[in-house]
Amino acid sequence: MLGELIEKESIDISKIVSADQNHTEELRDKLNSAQRLGNEFKSKADITFSTTEGPKTVNTTVWSVTDSYLQLKSGIHIPLNSLIDIDF
């Protein structure tokens, strides 16, 4: 399920909300793969997350994954509990 495609620079942190279901554990392998693709191969992933305006998708490089956040370039952090899907 893809949301509206937006640019990384358009991510409004204040509008990110928790997804209807927490998909963190089922996406854990994809999160780790997306981080490896970003760091080793400079490949991008489609990250779909929940916002107050509905699902949004951004195509970008994943820099790191913590217990709570997905970190993108420019210090942008997306809470893991807002993730809907990751594709690459």
Protein backbone atom coordinates (compact mmCIF):
# COMPACT_ATOMS: atom_id res chain seq x y z
CA MET A 1 0.00 0.00 0.00
CA LEU A 2 1.64 3.18 -1.19
CA GLY A 3 0.75 6.58 0.11
CA GLU A 4 1.14 9.91 -1.63
CA LEU A 5 4.72 10.19 -2.91
CA ILE A 6 6.54 13.11 -1.31
CA GLU A 7 10.09 14.44 -1.25
CA LYS A 8 12.25 13.79 1.80
CA GLU A 9 12.48 17.54 2.37
CA SER A 10 8.66 17.69 2.58
CA ILE A 11 8.44 15.36 5.58
CA ASP A 12 6.72 17.28 8.38
CA ILE A 13 7.77 15.52 11.59
CA SER A 14 4.89 17.10 13.51
CA LYS A 15 2.31 15.39 11.27
CA ILE A 16 3.69 11.84 11.65
CA VAL A 17 1.39 9.64 13.74
CA SER A 18 1.40 6.02 14.84
CA ALA A 19 0.10 3.56 12.24
CA ASP A 20 -3.16 1.71 12.92
CA GLN A 21 -1.02 -1.36 13.66
CA ASN A 22 2.59 -1.44 14.81
CA HIS A 23 4.49 -3.15 11.97
CA THR A 24 7.94 -2.70 13.51
CA GLU A 25 8.67 -6.36 14.21
CA GLU A 26 7.39 -7.65 10.88
CA LEU A 27 9.42 -4.95 9.09
CA ARG A 28 12.61 -5.51 11.13
CA ASP A 29 14.35 -7.54 8.37
CA LYS A 30 13.34 -5.01 5.73
CA LEU A 31 14.59 -2.16 7.96
CA ASN A 32 17.98 -3.82 8.35
CA SER A 33 18.17 -4.56 4.61
CA ALA A 34 17.21 -0.97 3.73
CA GLN A 35 19.95 0.33 6.04
CA ARG A 36 22.52 -2.00 4.47
CA LEU A 37 21.42 -1.01 0.95
CA GLY A 38 21.72 2.66 1.86
CA ASN A 39 25.10 2.44 3.55
CA GLU A 40 26.86 -0.05 1.29
CA PHE A 41 25.24 0.51 -2.08
CA LYS A 42 23.71 4.01 -1.79
CA SER A 43 20.40 2.45 -2.88
CA LYS A 44 17.07 3.98 -1.96
CA ALA A 45 13.96 2.45 -0.43
CA ASP A 46 10.29 3.38 -0.61
CA ILE A 47 9.20 4.08 2.97
CA THR A 48 5.47 4.41 3.64
CA PHE A 49 4.43 5.93 6.95
CA SER A 50 1.31 7.27 8.61
CA THR A 51 0.57 10.99 8.93
CA THR A 52 -2.40 13.09 10.00
CA GLU A 53 -3.05 13.59 6.26
CA GLY A 54 -2.99 9.87 5.44
CA PRO A 55 -0.17 7.56 4.29
CA LYS A 56 2.88 9.20 2.70
CA THR A 57 5.70 7.48 0.80
CA VAL A 58 9.22 8.78 0.41
CA ASN A 59 11.94 7.29 -1.81
CA THR A 60 15.20 7.86 0.01
CA THR A 61 18.33 6.34 1.51
CA VAL A 62 18.09 4.90 5.02
CA TRP A 63 21.07 5.99 7.11
CA SER A 64 20.39 4.10 10.31
CA VAL A 65 17.79 2.24 12.32
CA THR A 66 17.48 2.54 16.09
CA ASP A 67 15.06 0.83 18.47
CA SER A 68 12.55 3.64 17.91
CA TYR A 69 13.43 5.54 14.72
CA LEU A 70 14.46 5.30 11.10
CA GLN A 71 17.07 7.99 10.36
CA LEU A 72 17.28 9.65 6.97
CA LYS A 73 19.70 12.23 5.61
CA SER A 74 19.46 15.77 7.04
CA GLY A 75 18.63 14.48 10.53
CA ILE A 76 15.10 13.40 9.65
CA HIS A 77 13.76 10.71 12.00
CA ILE A 78 10.63 8.68 11.28
CA PRO A 79 9.21 6.79 14.30
CA LEU A 80 9.14 3.04 13.67
CA ASN A 81 5.60 2.81 15.03
CA SER A 82 4.42 5.04 12.15
CA LEU A 83 5.76 2.73 9.43
CA ILE A 84 3.31 0.97 7.16
CA ASP A 85 5.68 -0.65 4.65
CA ILE A 86 9.16 -0.58 3.17
CA ASP A 87 9.98 -1.65 -0.37
CA PHE A 88 13.17 -1.65 -2.42
